[in-house]
C-alpha atoms as a PDB file:
ATOM      1  CA  MET A   1     -22.283 105.059 -40.154  1.00  0.00           C
ATOM      2  CA  LYS A   2     -22.909 103.620 -43.569  1.00  0.00           C
ATOM      3  CA  LYS A   3     -21.114 105.966 -45.935  1.00  0.00           C
ATOM      4  CA  LEU A   4     -19.047 109.157 -46.141  1.00  0.00           C
ATOM      5  CA  THR A   5     -19.247 111.286 -49.291  1.00  0.00           C
ATOM      6  CA  PRO A   6     -17.394 114.583 -49.739  1.00  0.00           C
ATOM      7  CA  ILE A   7     -19.236 117.555 -51.226  1.00  0.00           C
ATOM      8  CA  LEU A   8     -16.842 119.838 -53.056  1.00  0.00           C
ATOM      9  CA  VAL A   9     -18.119 123.406 -53.104  1.00  0.00           C
ATOM     10  CA  VAL A  10     -17.131 125.223 -56.299  1.00  0.00           C
ATOM     11  CA  ASP A  11     -17.941 128.373 -58.251  1.00  0.00           C
ATOM     12  CA  ALA A  12     -18.825 126.285 -61.324  1.00  0.00           C
ATOM     13  CA  ILE A  13     -19.079 122.525 -61.851  1.00  0.00           C
ATOM     14  CA  GLU A  14     -18.503 122.358 -65.600  1.00  0.00           C
ATOM     15  CA  PRO A  15     -14.747 123.180 -65.517  1.00  0.00           C
ATOM     16  CA  SER A  16     -14.156 120.302 -63.063  1.00  0.00           C
ATOM     17  CA  LEU A  17     -15.965 117.591 -65.032  1.00  0.00           C
ATOM     18  CA  PRO A  18     -13.061 116.768 -67.411  1.00  0.00           C
ATOM     19  CA  PHE A  19     -10.824 116.153 -64.363  1.00  0.00           C
ATOM     20  CA  TRP A  20     -13.253 113.812 -62.617  1.00  0.00           C
ATOM     21  CA  VAL A  21     -14.942 112.171 -65.630  1.00  0.00           C
ATOM     22  CA  ASP A  22     -12.367 112.155 -68.438  1.00  0.00           C
ATOM     23  CA  ALA A  23      -9.109 111.904 -66.472  1.00  0.00           C
ATOM     24  CA  LEU A  24     -10.197 109.817 -63.473  1.00  0.00           C
ATOM     25  CA  GLY A  25     -13.072 107.817 -64.955  1.00  0.00           C
ATOM     26  CA  PHE A  26     -15.934 108.882 -62.686  1.00  0.00           C
ATOM     27  CA  THR A  27     -19.493 108.751 -64.060  1.00  0.00           C
ATOM     28  CA  LYS A  28     -22.020 111.521 -63.540  1.00  0.00           C
ATOM     29  CA  THR A  29     -24.984 109.718 -61.922  1.00  0.00           C
ATOM     30  CA  VAL A  30     -27.035 112.725 -60.774  1.00  0.00           C
ATOM     31  CA  GLU A  31     -27.243 116.164 -62.336  1.00  0.00           C
ATOM     32  CA  VAL A  32     -29.291 119.067 -60.960  1.00  0.00           C
ATOM     33  CA  PRO A  33     -29.444 122.351 -62.873  1.00  0.00           C
ATOM     34  CA  HIS A  34     -29.362 125.751 -61.212  1.00  0.00           C
ATOM     35  CA  ASP A  35     -30.208 128.791 -63.333  1.00  0.00           C
ATOM     36  CA  ASP A  36     -28.445 128.180 -66.662  1.00  0.00           C
ATOM     37  CA  ALA A  37     -25.697 125.841 -65.389  1.00  0.00           C
ATOM     38  CA  LEU A  38     -25.177 122.757 -63.266  1.00  0.00           C
ATOM     39  CA  GLY A  39     -25.871 123.374 -59.593  1.00  0.00           C
ATOM     40  CA  PHE A  40     -25.151 119.908 -58.212  1.00  0.00           C
ATOM     41  CA  VAL A  41     -23.749 116.591 -59.433  1.00  0.00           C
ATOM     42  CA  ILE A  42     -22.947 113.196 -58.006  1.00  0.00           C
ATOM     43  CA  LEU A  43     -19.953 111.443 -59.525  1.00  0.00           C
ATOM     44  CA  GLU A  44     -19.377 107.719 -58.971  1.00  0.00           C
ATOM     45  CA  LYS A  45     -16.603 105.232 -59.637  1.00  0.00           C
ATOM     46  CA  ASP A  46     -16.212 101.720 -58.251  1.00  0.00           C
ATOM     47  CA  GLY A  47     -18.588 102.378 -55.341  1.00  0.00           C
ATOM     48  CA  TYR A  48     -17.007 105.724 -54.402  1.00  0.00           C
ATOM     49  CA  GLU A  49     -18.856 109.024 -54.694  1.00  0.00           C
ATOM     50  CA  VAL A  50     -17.875 112.658 -54.903  1.00  0.00           C
ATOM     51  CA  MET A  51     -20.543 115.333 -54.915  1.00  0.00           C
ATOM     52  CA  MET A  52     -20.057 118.834 -56.273  1.00  0.00           C
ATOM     53  CA  GLN A  53     -22.315 121.804 -55.639  1.00  0.00           C
ATOM     54  CA  THR A  54     -21.979 125.413 -56.647  1.00  0.00           C
ATOM     55  CA  ILE A  55     -21.946 128.198 -54.104  1.00  0.00           C
ATOM     56  CA  ALA A  56     -24.934 129.810 -55.869  1.00  0.00           C
ATOM     57  CA  SER A  57     -26.922 126.580 -55.642  1.00  0.00           C
ATOM     58  CA  MET A  58     -26.117 126.172 -51.950  1.00  0.00           C
ATOM     59  CA  GLN A  59     -27.050 129.783 -51.232  1.00  0.00           C
ATOM     60  CA  ALA A  60     -30.405 129.274 -52.973  1.00  0.00           C
ATOM     61  CA  ASP A  61     -31.118 125.907 -51.339  1.00  0.00           C
ATOM     62  CA  VAL A  62     -29.683 125.931 -47.803  1.00  0.00           C
ATOM     63  CA  PRO A  63     -27.563 129.054 -47.202  1.00  0.00           C
ATOM     64  CA  ALA A  64     -26.443 127.895 -43.750  1.00  0.00           C
ATOM     65  CA  THR A  65     -24.413 125.103 -45.371  1.00  0.00           C
ATOM     66  CA  VAL A  66     -22.138 127.347 -47.470  1.00  0.00           C
ATOM     67  CA  PRO A  67     -18.656 126.758 -46.023  1.00  0.00           C
ATOM     68  CA  PRO A  68     -16.067 129.495 -45.526  1.00  0.00           C
ATOM     69  CA  ALA A  69     -13.526 130.044 -48.308  1.00  0.00           C
ATOM     70  CA  GLY A  70     -10.538 127.758 -48.486  1.00  0.00           C
ATOM     71  CA  GLY A  71     -11.504 124.702 -50.487  1.00  0.00           C
ATOM     72  CA  SER A  72     -11.068 121.061 -49.598  1.00  0.00           C
ATOM     73  CA  VAL A  73      -8.295 118.489 -49.718  1.00  0.00           C
ATOM     74  CA  LEU A  74      -9.132 114.927 -50.717  1.00  0.00           C
ATOM     75  CA  PHE A  75      -6.688 112.067 -50.129  1.00  0.00           C
ATOM     76  CA  LEU A  76      -7.225 109.014 -52.333  1.00  0.00           C
ATOM     77  CA  GLU A  77      -5.385 105.751 -51.904  1.00  0.00           C
ATOM     78  CA  ILE A  78      -4.918 104.284 -55.376  1.00  0.00           C
ATOM     79  CA  GLU A  79      -3.355 101.192 -56.955  1.00  0.00           C
ATOM     80  CA  ASP A  80      -1.339 102.665 -59.851  1.00  0.00           C
ATOM     81  CA  LEU A  81       0.264 106.066 -59.315  1.00  0.00           C
ATOM     82  CA  ALA A  82       1.898 106.082 -62.761  1.00  0.00           C
ATOM     83  CA  ALA A  83      -1.517 105.732 -64.419  1.00  0.00           C
ATOM     84  CA  ILE A  84      -2.928 108.573 -62.282  1.00  0.00           C
ATOM     85  CA  GLU A  85       0.072 110.792 -63.065  1.00  0.00           C
ATOM     86  CA  ALA A  86      -0.576 110.301 -66.774  1.00  0.00           C
ATOM     87  CA  ALA A  87      -4.313 110.909 -66.385  1.00  0.00           C
ATOM     88  CA  VAL A  88      -3.886 114.206 -64.506  1.00  0.00           C
ATOM     89  CA  ALA A  89      -0.791 115.464 -66.349  1.00  0.00           C
ATOM     90  CA  ASP A  90      -2.703 118.447 -67.776  1.00  0.00           C
ATOM     91  CA  TYR A  91      -3.722 119.714 -64.328  1.00  0.00           C
ATOM     92  CA  GLU A  92      -1.793 121.883 -61.870  1.00  0.00           C
ATOM     93  CA  LEU A  93       0.768 119.739 -60.035  1.00  0.00           C
ATOM     94  CA  LEU A  94       1.177 121.012 -56.475  1.00  0.00           C
ATOM     95  CA  VAL A  95       3.428 118.284 -55.064  1.00  0.00           C
ATOM     96  CA  ALA A  96       5.545 116.187 -57.416  1.00  0.00           C
ATOM     97  CA  ARG A  97       5.921 112.458 -56.787  1.00  0.00           C
ATOM     98  CA  ARG A  98       7.503 111.888 -53.434  1.00  0.00           C
ATOM     99  CA  LYS A  99       8.094 109.051 -50.971  1.00  0.00           C
ATOM    100  CA  THR A 100       6.485 109.767 -47.610  1.00  0.00           C
ATOM    101  CA  PHE A 101       7.474 108.801 -44.079  1.00  0.00           C
ATOM    102  CA  TYR A 102       4.319 106.668 -43.929  1.00  0.00           C
ATOM    103  CA  GLY A 103       5.410 104.526 -46.881  1.00  0.00           C
ATOM    104  CA  ALA A 104       3.431 105.982 -49.770  1.00  0.00           C
ATOM    105  CA  GLU A 105       4.449 107.359 -53.130  1.00  0.00           C
ATOM    106  CA  GLU A 106       2.168 110.344 -53.691  1.00  0.00           C
ATOM    107  CA  ILE A 107       1.338 113.428 -55.731  1.00  0.00           C
ATOM    108  CA  PHE A 108      -1.056 116.329 -55.154  1.00  0.00           C
ATOM    109  CA  VAL A 109      -2.872 118.254 -57.896  1.00  0.00           C
ATOM    110  CA  ARG A 110      -5.418 121.064 -57.985  1.00  0.00           C
ATOM    111  CA  GLU A 111      -8.631 120.242 -59.806  1.00  0.00           C
ATOM    112  CA  PRO A 112     -10.300 123.065 -61.767  1.00  0.00           C
ATOM    113  CA  GLY A 113     -12.780 123.804 -58.958  1.00  0.00           C
ATOM    114  CA  GLY A 114      -9.850 124.837 -56.752  1.00  0.00           C
ATOM    115  CA  ASN A 115      -9.802 121.764 -54.509  1.00  0.00           C
ATOM    116  CA  VAL A 116      -6.613 119.804 -53.834  1.00  0.00           C
ATOM    117  CA  VAL A 117      -6.577 116.086 -54.613  1.00  0.00           C
ATOM    118  CA  GLY A 118      -3.815 113.831 -53.330  1.00  0.00           C
ATOM    119  CA  PHE A 119      -3.164 110.386 -54.770  1.00  0.00           C
ATOM    120  CA  ALA A 120      -1.131 107.856 -52.777  1.00  0.00           C
ATOM    121  CA  GLN A 121       0.104 104.397 -53.685  1.00  0.00           C
ATOM    122  CA  PHE A 122       1.289 102.251 -50.822  1.00  0.00           C
ATOM    123  CA  GLY A 123       3.730  99.345 -51.102  1.00  0.00           C
ATOM    124  CA  ALA A 124       2.734  95.913 -52.370  1.00  0.00           C
ATOM    125  CA  ASP A 125       1.831  94.827 -48.844  1.00  0.00           C
ATOM    126  CA  GLY A 126      -0.694  97.676 -48.597  1.00  0.00           C
ATOM    127  CA  GLU A 127       0.890  99.083 -45.467  1.00  0.00           C
ATOM    128  CA  GLY A 128       2.391 102.489 -44.886  1.00  0.00           C
END
């Protein structure tokens, strides 16, 4: 394997862009329209990618790939949890900062597309 990139399936991409671009600093590198809105985007930051595609776009392109309802959960290991908390303060907090049994300080938020995003900072030694 060379790479793993999540595709977040959403009703609409536009409401999620402020979360990914403005709050977290991702850059939109690919943009594909569908009807009168965005149908697909690739977002990139520091060599990491997240793709987003609308259900309508998937149904028009490759209907067999439309996943069942339920959304996704992403888990991101980050360096500065305080900075992330400030950046995502305007979004729905699902799990407030907590210390885990595996040695991380973490929070979970819901991004506007309905997906859950967890952010975890491990100790200075990088181990959990």
